[in-house]
Amino acid sequence: MREQETTFIGKITAGATHELMNVFATIRETSGLMEDLLALEGKTPFPHREKFGKILIIIQEQVNRGMEISGRLNKFAHSMDEPILPINNP
């Protein structure tokens, strides 16, 4: 691949992964808020509190997984920012 094409692919991938990480961060913050709301002691008992708690744990685990995958792909995409150097074979 030519350097221009590699740079273009890197920029597109870096931008997309950055936006994906923003989506995951929003989901993480929202699920954290839901967890806080479930932890509040209300006047009315909430019969499905435990089930929702388990679901929120799954959501948070998957968000962490998605952030890790996106972060690695983002790092790879940014590696294309470096100039391509020839390898000298001895």
PDB file of N, CA and C in Angstrom:
ATOM      1  N   MET A   1       0.840  -1.170   0.000  1.00  0.00           N
ATOM      2  CA  MET A   1       0.000   0.000   0.000  1.00  0.00           C
ATOM      3  C   MET A   1       0.888   1.238   0.000  1.00  0.00           C
ATOM      4  N   ARG A   2       0.476   2.238  -0.715  1.00  0.00           N
ATOM      5  CA  ARG A   2       1.247   3.476  -0.736  1.00  0.00           C
ATOM      6  C   ARG A   2       1.058   4.234   0.559  1.00  0.00           C
ATOM      7  N   GLU A   3       1.987   5.126   0.843  1.00  0.00           N
ATOM      8  CA  GLU A   3       1.977   5.866   2.106  1.00  0.00           C
ATOM      9  C   GLU A   3       0.718   6.713   2.261  1.00  0.00           C
ATOM     10  N   GLN A   4       0.258   7.317   1.152  1.00  0.00           N
ATOM     11  CA  GLN A   4      -0.963   8.139   1.219  1.00  0.00           C
ATOM     12  C   GLN A   4      -2.165   7.308   1.620  1.00  0.00           C
ATOM     13  N   GLU A   5      -2.282   6.137   1.031  1.00  0.00           N
ATOM     14  CA  GLU A   5      -3.410   5.255   1.348  1.00  0.00           C
ATOM     15  C   GLU A   5      -3.351   4.778   2.789  1.00  0.00           C
ATOM     16  N   THR A   6      -2.169   4.430   3.251  1.00  0.00           N
ATOM     17  CA  THR A   6      -1.988   3.973   4.625  1.00  0.00           C
ATOM     18  C   THR A   6      -2.354   5.079   5.607  1.00  0.00           C
ATOM     19  N   THR A   7      -1.903   6.291   5.313  1.00  0.00           N
ATOM     20  CA  THR A   7      -2.219   7.433   6.176  1.00  0.00           C
ATOM     21  C   THR A   7      -3.727   7.674   6.213  1.00  0.00           C
ATOM     22  N   PHE A   8      -4.377   7.602   5.056  1.00  0.00           N
ATOM     23  CA  PHE A   8      -5.825   7.804   4.979  1.00  0.00           C
ATOM     24  C   PHE A   8      -6.580   6.757   5.806  1.00  0.00           C
ATOM     25  N   ILE A   9      -6.210   5.486   5.621  1.00  0.00           N
ATOM     26  CA  ILE A   9      -6.864   4.406   6.371  1.00  0.00           C
ATOM     27  C   ILE A   9      -6.651   4.597   7.868  1.00  0.00           C
ATOM     28  N   GLY A  10      -5.445   4.979   8.255  1.00  0.00           N
ATOM     29  CA  GLY A  10      -5.157   5.227   9.667  1.00  0.00           C
ATOM     30  C   GLY A  10      -6.014   6.336  10.247  1.00  0.00           C
ATOM     31  N   LYS A  11      -6.157   7.437   9.501  1.00  0.00           N
ATOM     32  CA  LYS A  11      -6.965   8.564  10.002  1.00  0.00           C
ATOM     33  C   LYS A  11      -8.438   8.194  10.123  1.00  0.00           C
ATOM     34  N   ILE A  12      -8.962   7.487   9.145  1.00  0.00           N
ATOM     35  CA  ILE A  12     -10.368   7.072   9.189  1.00  0.00           C
ATOM     36  C   ILE A  12     -10.599   6.112  10.359  1.00  0.00           C
ATOM     37  N   THR A  13      -9.713   5.141  10.517  1.00  0.00           N
ATOM     38  CA  THR A  13      -9.844   4.165  11.597  1.00  0.00           C
ATOM     39  C   THR A  13      -9.700   4.832  12.958  1.00  0.00           C
ATOM     40  N   ALA A  14      -8.735   5.733  13.092  1.00  0.00           N
ATOM     41  CA  ALA A  14      -8.537   6.438  14.365  1.00  0.00           C
ATOM     42  C   ALA A  14      -9.771   7.265  14.725  1.00  0.00           C
ATOM     43  N   GLY A  15     -10.338   7.950  13.745  1.00  0.00           N
ATOM     44  CA  GLY A  15     -11.537   8.750  14.001  1.00  0.00           C
ATOM     45  C   GLY A  15     -12.729   7.895  14.406  1.00  0.00           C
ATOM     46  N   ALA A  16     -12.905   6.775  13.704  1.00  0.00           N
ATOM     47  CA  ALA A  16     -14.035   5.890  14.005  1.00  0.00           C
ATOM     48  C   ALA A  16     -13.893   5.258  15.384  1.00  0.00           C
ATOM     49  N   THR A  17     -12.682   4.812  15.716  1.00  0.00           N
ATOM     50  CA  THR A  17     -12.496   4.190  17.026  1.00  0.00           C
ATOM     51  C   THR A  17     -12.648   5.206  18.150  1.00  0.00           C
ATOM     52  N   HIS A  18     -12.234   6.437  17.898  1.00  0.00           N
ATOM     53  CA  HIS A  18     -12.415   7.487  18.903  1.00  0.00           C
ATOM     54  C   HIS A  18     -13.906   7.707  19.166  1.00  0.00           C
ATOM     55  N   GLU A  19     -14.690   7.756  18.104  1.00  0.00           N
ATOM     56  CA  GLU A  19     -16.138   7.935  18.262  1.00  0.00           C
ATOM     57  C   GLU A  19     -16.778   6.736  18.959  1.00  0.00           C
ATOM     58  N   LEU A  20     -16.319   5.530  18.635  1.00  0.00           N
ATOM     59  CA  LEU A  20     -16.832   4.339  19.324  1.00  0.00           C
ATOM     60  C   LEU A  20     -16.542   4.392  20.821  1.00  0.00           C
ATOM     61  N   MET A  21     -15.351   4.855  21.164  1.00  0.00           N
ATOM     62  CA  MET A  21     -15.007   4.960  22.584  1.00  0.00           C
ATOM     63  C   MET A  21     -15.891   5.999  23.281  1.00  0.00           C
ATOM     64  N   ASN A  22     -16.283   7.051  22.558  1.00  0.00           N
ATOM     65  CA  ASN A  22     -17.232   8.018  23.127  1.00  0.00           C
ATOM     66  C   ASN A  22     -18.587   7.370  23.394  1.00  0.00           C
ATOM     67  N   VAL A  23     -19.028   6.509  22.480  1.00  0.00           N
ATOM     68  CA  VAL A  23     -20.297   5.795  22.664  1.00  0.00           C
ATOM     69  C   VAL A  23     -20.209   4.903  23.896  1.00  0.00           C
ATOM     70  N   PHE A  24     -19.122   4.139  23.994  1.00  0.00           N
ATOM     71  CA  PHE A  24     -18.944   3.258  25.153  1.00  0.00           C
ATOM     72  C   PHE A  24     -18.875   4.049  26.456  1.00  0.00           C
ATOM     73  N   ALA A  25     -18.221   5.206  26.429  1.00  0.00           N
ATOM     74  CA  ALA A  25     -18.129   6.031  27.636  1.00  0.00           C
ATOM     75  C   ALA A  25     -19.514   6.521  28.061  1.00  0.00           C
ATOM     76  N   THR A  26     -20.353   6.868  27.102  1.00  0.00           N
ATOM     77  CA  THR A  26     -21.715   7.309  27.410  1.00  0.00           C
ATOM     78  C   THR A  26     -22.519   6.162  28.021  1.00  0.00           C
ATOM     79  N   ILE A  27     -22.395   4.976  27.448  1.00  0.00           N
ATOM     80  CA  ILE A  27     -23.097   3.808  27.992  1.00  0.00           C
ATOM     81  C   ILE A  27     -22.589   3.512  29.395  1.00  0.00           C
ATOM     82  N   ARG A  28     -21.276   3.595  29.608  1.00  0.00           N
ATOM     83  CA  ARG A  28     -20.692   3.346  30.934  1.00  0.00           C
ATOM     84  C   ARG A  28     -21.250   4.331  31.959  1.00  0.00           C
ATOM     85  N   GLU A  29     -21.280   5.603  31.612  1.00  0.00           N
ATOM     86  CA  GLU A  29     -21.781   6.616  32.542  1.00  0.00           C
ATOM     87  C   GLU A  29     -23.275   6.430  32.824  1.00  0.00           C
ATOM     88  N   THR A  30     -24.030   6.101  31.796  1.00  0.00           N
ATOM     89  CA  THR A  30     -25.471   5.906  31.964  1.00  0.00           C
ATOM     90  C   THR A  30     -25.770   4.673  32.810  1.00  0.00           C
ATOM     91  N   SER A  31     -25.032   3.589  32.574  1.00  0.00           N
ATOM     92  CA  SER A  31     -25.271   2.392  33.382  1.00  0.00           C
ATOM     93  C   SER A  31     -24.825   2.623  34.827  1.00  0.00           C
ATOM     94  N   GLY A  32     -23.797   3.436  35.015  1.00  0.00           N
ATOM     95  CA  GLY A  32     -23.384   3.792  36.377  1.00  0.00           C
ATOM     96  C   GLY A  32     -24.458   4.581  37.100  1.00  0.00           C
ATOM     97  N   LEU A  33     -25.104   5.491  36.371  1.00  0.00           N
ATOM     98  CA  LEU A  33     -26.211   6.260  36.951  1.00  0.00           C
ATOM     99  C   LEU A  33     -27.374   5.341  37.301  1.00  0.00           C
ATOM    100  N   MET A  34     -27.669   4.393  36.414  1.00  0.00           N
ATOM    101  CA  MET A  34     -28.746   3.438  36.700  1.00  0.00           C
ATOM    102  C   MET A  34     -28.415   2.613  37.940  1.00  0.00           C
ATOM    103  N   GLU A  35     -27.153   2.228  38.072  1.00  0.00           N
ATOM    104  CA  GLU A  35     -26.721   1.470  39.237  1.00  0.00           C
ATOM    105  C   GLU A  35     -26.901   2.304  40.513  1.00  0.00           C
ATOM    106  N   ASP A  36     -26.551   3.576  40.433  1.00  0.00           N
ATOM    107  CA  ASP A  36     -26.741   4.472  41.582  1.00  0.00           C
ATOM    108  C   ASP A  36     -28.217   4.591  41.958  1.00  0.00           C
ATOM    109  N   LEU A  37     -29.071   4.699  40.939  1.00  0.00           N
ATOM    110  CA  LEU A  37     -30.507   4.820  41.199  1.00  0.00           C
ATOM    111  C   LEU A  37     -31.068   3.539  41.832  1.00  0.00           C
ATOM    112  N   LEU A  38     -30.576   2.391  41.381  1.00  0.00           N
ATOM    113  CA  LEU A  38     -31.021   1.123  41.968  1.00  0.00           C
ATOM    114  C   LEU A  38     -30.576   0.993  43.428  1.00  0.00           C
ATOM    115  N   ALA A  39     -29.455   1.600  43.746  1.00  0.00           N
ATOM    116  CA  ALA A  39     -28.926   1.501  45.110  1.00  0.00           C
ATOM    117  C   ALA A  39     -29.694   2.391  46.094  1.00  0.00           C
ATOM    118  N   LEU A  40     -30.440   3.357  45.575  1.00  0.00           N
ATOM    119  CA  LEU A  40     -31.213   4.236  46.458  1.00  0.00           C
ATOM    120  C   LEU A  40     -32.317   3.450  47.151  1.00  0.00           C
ATOM    121  N   GLU A  41     -32.475   3.736  48.401  1.00  0.00           N
ATOM    122  CA  GLU A  41     -33.572   3.120  49.147  1.00  0.00           C
ATOM    123  C   GLU A  41     -34.818   3.979  48.948  1.00  0.00           C
ATOM    124  N   GLY A  42     -35.770   3.441  48.247  1.00  0.00           N
ATOM    125  CA  GLY A  42     -37.001   4.183  48.004  1.00  0.00           C
ATOM    126  C   GLY A  42     -38.111   3.753  48.941  1.00  0.00           C
ATOM    127  N   LYS A  43     -39.191   4.495  48.904  1.00  0.00           N
ATOM    128  CA  LYS A  43     -40.350   4.158  49.738  1.00  0.00           C
ATOM    129  C   LYS A  43     -41.052   2.911  49.217  1.00  0.00           C
ATOM    130  N   THR A  44     -40.965   2.717  47.899  1.00  0.00           N
ATOM    131  CA  THR A  44     -41.614   1.562  47.286  1.00  0.00           C
ATOM    132  C   THR A  44     -40.558   0.515  46.966  1.00  0.00           C
ATOM    133  N   PRO A  45     -40.747  -0.719  47.383  1.00  0.00           N
ATOM    134  CA  PRO A  45     -39.763  -1.765  47.065  1.00  0.00           C
ATOM    135  C   PRO A  45     -39.731  -2.026  45.558  1.00  0.00           C
ATOM    136  N   PHE A  46     -38.573  -2.299  45.062  1.00  0.00           N
ATOM    137  CA  PHE A  46     -38.392  -2.588  43.641  1.00  0.00           C
ATOM    138  C   PHE A  46     -38.139  -4.090  43.508  1.00  0.00           C
ATOM    139  N   PRO A  47     -39.120  -4.848  42.990  1.00  0.00           N
ATOM    140  CA  PRO A  47     -39.033  -6.308  43.013  1.00  0.00           C
ATOM    141  C   PRO A  47     -37.934  -6.905  42.128  1.00  0.00           C
ATOM    142  N   HIS A  48     -37.474  -6.191  41.140  1.00  0.00           N
ATOM    143  CA  HIS A  48     -36.496  -6.748  40.196  1.00  0.00           C
ATOM    144  C   HIS A  48     -35.116  -6.109  40.353  1.00  0.00           C
ATOM    145  N   ARG A  49     -34.845  -5.547  41.509  1.00  0.00           N
ATOM    146  CA  ARG A  49     -33.580  -4.849  41.755  1.00  0.00           C
ATOM    147  C   ARG A  49     -32.373  -5.761  41.481  1.00  0.00           C
ATOM    148  N   GLU A  50     -32.416  -6.995  41.970  1.00  0.00           N
ATOM    149  CA  GLU A  50     -31.287  -7.913  41.808  1.00  0.00           C
ATOM    150  C   GLU A  50     -31.054  -8.263  40.339  1.00  0.00           C
ATOM    151  N   LYS A  51     -32.145  -8.510  39.584  1.00  0.00           N
ATOM    152  CA  LYS A  51     -32.012  -8.836  38.166  1.00  0.00           C
ATOM    153  C   LYS A  51     -31.398  -7.665  37.394  1.00  0.00           C
ATOM    154  N   PHE A  52     -31.865  -6.455  37.686  1.00  0.00           N
ATOM    155  CA  PHE A  52     -31.312  -5.282  37.021  1.00  0.00           C
ATOM    156  C   PHE A  52     -29.844  -5.090  37.391  1.00  0.00           C
ATOM    157  N   GLY A  53     -29.511  -5.363  38.619  1.00  0.00           N
ATOM    158  CA  GLY A  53     -28.119  -5.267  39.055  1.00  0.00           C
ATOM    159  C   GLY A  53     -27.225  -6.209  38.275  1.00  0.00           C
ATOM    160  N   LYS A  54     -27.684  -7.435  38.057  1.00  0.00           N
ATOM    161  CA  LYS A  54     -26.909  -8.420  37.293  1.00  0.00           C
ATOM    162  C   LYS A  54     -26.769  -7.985  35.834  1.00  0.00           C
ATOM    163  N   ILE A  55     -27.840  -7.446  35.276  1.00  0.00           N
ATOM    164  CA  ILE A  55     -27.804  -6.967  33.888  1.00  0.00           C
ATOM    165  C   ILE A  55     -26.819  -5.810  33.754  1.00  0.00           C
ATOM    166  N   LEU A  56     -26.809  -4.912  34.724  1.00  0.00           N
ATOM    167  CA  LEU A  56     -25.884  -3.782  34.679  1.00  0.00           C
ATOM    168  C   LEU A  56     -24.428  -4.231  34.752  1.00  0.00           C
ATOM    169  N   ILE A  57     -24.172  -5.280  35.501  1.00  0.00           N
ATOM    170  CA  ILE A  57     -22.806  -5.823  35.558  1.00  0.00           C
ATOM    171  C   ILE A  57     -22.394  -6.341  34.181  1.00  0.00           C
ATOM    172  N   ILE A  58     -23.295  -7.033  33.513  1.00  0.00           N
ATOM    173  CA  ILE A  58     -23.010  -7.551  32.167  1.00  0.00           C
ATOM    174  C   ILE A  58     -22.762  -6.400  31.202  1.00  0.00           C
ATOM    175  N   ILE A  59     -23.602  -5.373  31.279  1.00  0.00           N
ATOM    176  CA  ILE A  59     -23.429  -4.200  30.413  1.00  0.00           C
ATOM    177  C   ILE A  59     -22.055  -3.579  30.652  1.00  0.00           C
ATOM    178  N   GLN A  60     -21.691  -3.400  31.894  1.00  0.00           N
ATOM    179  CA  GLN A  60     -20.405  -2.774  32.211  1.00  0.00           C
ATOM    180  C   GLN A  60     -19.237  -3.638  31.747  1.00  0.00           C
ATOM    181  N   GLU A  61     -19.342  -4.947  31.887  1.00  0.00           N
ATOM    182  CA  GLU A  61     -18.279  -5.838  31.415  1.00  0.00           C
ATOM    183  C   GLU A  61     -18.118  -5.731  29.901  1.00  0.00           C
ATOM    184  N   GLN A  62     -19.233  -5.696  29.184  1.00  0.00           N
ATOM    185  CA  GLN A  62     -19.168  -5.607  27.729  1.00  0.00           C
ATOM    186  C   GLN A  62     -18.664  -4.237  27.275  1.00  0.00           C
ATOM    187  N   VAL A  63     -19.020  -3.196  27.994  1.00  0.00           N
ATOM    188  CA  VAL A  63     -18.500  -1.863  27.676  1.00  0.00           C
ATOM    189  C   VAL A  63     -16.985  -1.854  27.862  1.00  0.00           C
ATOM    190  N   ASN A  64     -16.515  -2.435  28.950  1.00  0.00           N
ATOM    191  CA  ASN A  64     -15.066  -2.516  29.178  1.00  0.00           C
ATOM    192  C   ASN A  64     -14.382  -3.287  28.052  1.00  0.00           C
ATOM    193  N   ARG A  65     -15.002  -4.364  27.629  1.00  0.00           N
ATOM    194  CA  ARG A  65     -14.459  -5.175  26.527  1.00  0.00           C
ATOM    195  C   ARG A  65     -14.404  -4.346  25.241  1.00  0.00           C
ATOM    196  N   GLY A  66     -15.495  -3.659  24.941  1.00  0.00           N
ATOM    197  CA  GLY A  66     -15.540  -2.819  23.744  1.00  0.00           C
ATOM    198  C   GLY A  66     -14.518  -1.692  23.783  1.00  0.00           C
ATOM    199  N   MET A  67     -14.335  -1.095  24.965  1.00  0.00           N
ATOM    200  CA  MET A  67     -13.337  -0.030  25.115  1.00  0.00           C
ATOM    201  C   MET A  67     -11.933  -0.588  24.882  1.00  0.00           C
ATOM    202  N   GLU A  68     -11.666  -1.774  25.384  1.00  0.00           N
ATOM    203  CA  GLU A  68     -10.345  -2.382  25.208  1.00  0.00           C
ATOM    204  C   GLU A  68     -10.072  -2.671  23.732  1.00  0.00           C
ATOM    205  N   ILE A  69     -11.042  -3.255  23.047  1.00  0.00           N
ATOM    206  CA  ILE A  69     -10.881  -3.567  21.627  1.00  0.00           C
ATOM    207  C   ILE A  69     -10.714  -2.286  20.819  1.00  0.00           C
ATOM    208  N   SER A  70     -11.561  -1.297  21.081  1.00  0.00           N
ATOM    209  CA  SER A  70     -11.467  -0.028  20.361  1.00  0.00           C
ATOM    210  C   SER A  70     -10.157   0.685  20.650  1.00  0.00           C
ATOM    211  N   GLY A  71      -9.703   0.620  21.882  1.00  0.00           N
ATOM    212  CA  GLY A  71      -8.442   1.251  22.252  1.00  0.00           C
ATOM    213  C   GLY A  71      -7.264   0.631  21.515  1.00  0.00           C
ATOM    214  N   ARG A  72      -7.269  -0.683  21.403  1.00  0.00           N
ATOM    215  CA  ARG A  72      -6.186  -1.362  20.680  1.00  0.00           C
ATOM    216  C   ARG A  72      -6.214  -1.018  19.193  1.00  0.00           C
ATOM    217  N   LEU A  73      -7.416  -1.010  18.608  1.00  0.00           N
ATOM    218  CA  LEU A  73      -7.526  -0.653  17.195  1.00  0.00           C
ATOM    219  C   LEU A  73      -7.129   0.801  16.977  1.00  0.00           C
ATOM    220  N   ASN A  74      -7.480   1.671  17.926  1.00  0.00           N
ATOM    221  CA  ASN A  74      -7.103   3.079  17.832  1.00  0.00           C
ATOM    222  C   ASN A  74      -5.584   3.229  17.886  1.00  0.00           C
ATOM    223  N   LYS A  75      -4.949   2.494  18.770  1.00  0.00           N
ATOM    224  CA  LYS A  75      -3.484   2.546  18.878  1.00  0.00           C
ATOM    225  C   LYS A  75      -2.846   2.061  17.573  1.00  0.00           C
ATOM    226  N   PHE A  76      -3.384   0.997  17.014  1.00  0.00           N
ATOM    227  CA  PHE A  76      -2.886   0.493  15.730  1.00  0.00           C
ATOM    228  C   PHE A  76      -3.059   1.541  14.635  1.00  0.00           C
ATOM    229  N   ALA A  77      -4.225   2.178  14.602  1.00  0.00           N
ATOM    230  CA  ALA A  77      -4.486   3.202  13.584  1.00  0.00           C
ATOM    231  C   ALA A  77      -3.501   4.358  13.716  1.00  0.00           C
ATOM    232  N   HIS A  78      -3.203   4.747  14.941  1.00  0.00           N
ATOM    233  CA  HIS A  78      -2.254   5.847  15.144  1.00  0.00           C
ATOM    234  C   HIS A  78      -0.819   5.434  14.818  1.00  0.00           C
ATOM    235  N   SER A  79      -0.548   4.137  14.791  1.00  0.00           N
ATOM    236  CA  SER A  79       0.795   3.708  14.404  1.00  0.00           C
ATOM    237  C   SER A  79       1.060   4.045  12.935  1.00  0.00           C
ATOM    238  N   MET A  80       0.013   4.255  12.177  1.00  0.00           N
ATOM    239  CA  MET A  80       0.158   4.622  10.773  1.00  0.00           C
ATOM    240  C   MET A  80       0.552   6.092  10.611  1.00  0.00           C
ATOM    241  N   ASP A  81       0.538   6.852  11.709  1.00  0.00           N
ATOM    242  CA  ASP A  81       0.976   8.249  11.665  1.00  0.00           C
ATOM    243  C   ASP A  81       2.488   8.350  11.477  1.00  0.00           C
ATOM    244  N   GLU A  82       3.186   7.279  11.869  1.00  0.00           N
ATOM    245  CA  GLU A  82       4.647   7.259  11.753  1.00  0.00           C
ATOM    246  C   GLU A  82       5.045   6.963  10.302  1.00  0.00           C
ATOM    247  N   PRO A  83       6.111   7.576   9.840  1.00  0.00           N
ATOM    248  CA  PRO A  83       6.538   7.319   8.463  1.00  0.00           C
ATOM    249  C   PRO A  83       6.989   5.877   8.281  1.00  0.00           C
ATOM    250  N   ILE A  84       6.807   5.376   7.097  1.00  0.00           N
ATOM    251  CA  ILE A  84       7.224   4.010   6.783  1.00  0.00           C
ATOM    252  C   ILE A  84       8.733   4.033   6.527  1.00  0.00           C
ATOM    253  N   LEU A  85       9.438   3.211   7.251  1.00  0.00           N
ATOM    254  CA  LEU A  85      10.887   3.155   7.110  1.00  0.00           C
ATOM    255  C   LEU A  85      11.296   1.806   6.530  1.00  0.00           C
ATOM    256  N   PRO A  86      12.293   1.809   5.665  1.00  0.00           N
ATOM    257  CA  PRO A  86      12.754   0.521   5.118  1.00  0.00           C
ATOM    258  C   PRO A  86      13.491  -0.278   6.193  1.00  0.00           C
ATOM    259  N   ILE A  87      13.410  -1.583   6.072  1.00  0.00           N
ATOM    260  CA  ILE A  87      14.124  -2.469   6.974  1.00  0.00           C
ATOM    261  C   ILE A  87      15.394  -2.916   6.271  1.00  0.00           C
ATOM    262  N   ASN A  88      16.515  -2.710   6.919  1.00  0.00           N
ATOM    263  CA  ASN A  88      17.794  -3.130   6.344  1.00  0.00           C
ATOM    264  C   ASN A  88      18.089  -4.565   6.741  1.00  0.00           C
ATOM    265  N   ASN A  89      18.249  -5.406   5.772  1.00  0.00           N
ATOM    266  CA  ASN A  89      18.590  -6.813   6.041  1.00  0.00           C
ATOM    267  C   ASN A  89      20.109  -6.953   6.021  1.00  0.00           C
ATOM    268  N   PRO A  90      20.700  -7.536   7.066  1.00  0.00           N
ATOM    269  CA  PRO A  90      22.169  -7.693   7.057  1.00  0.00           C
ATOM    270  C   PRO A  90      22.636  -8.750   6.082  1.00  0.00           C
TER     271      PRO A  90
END
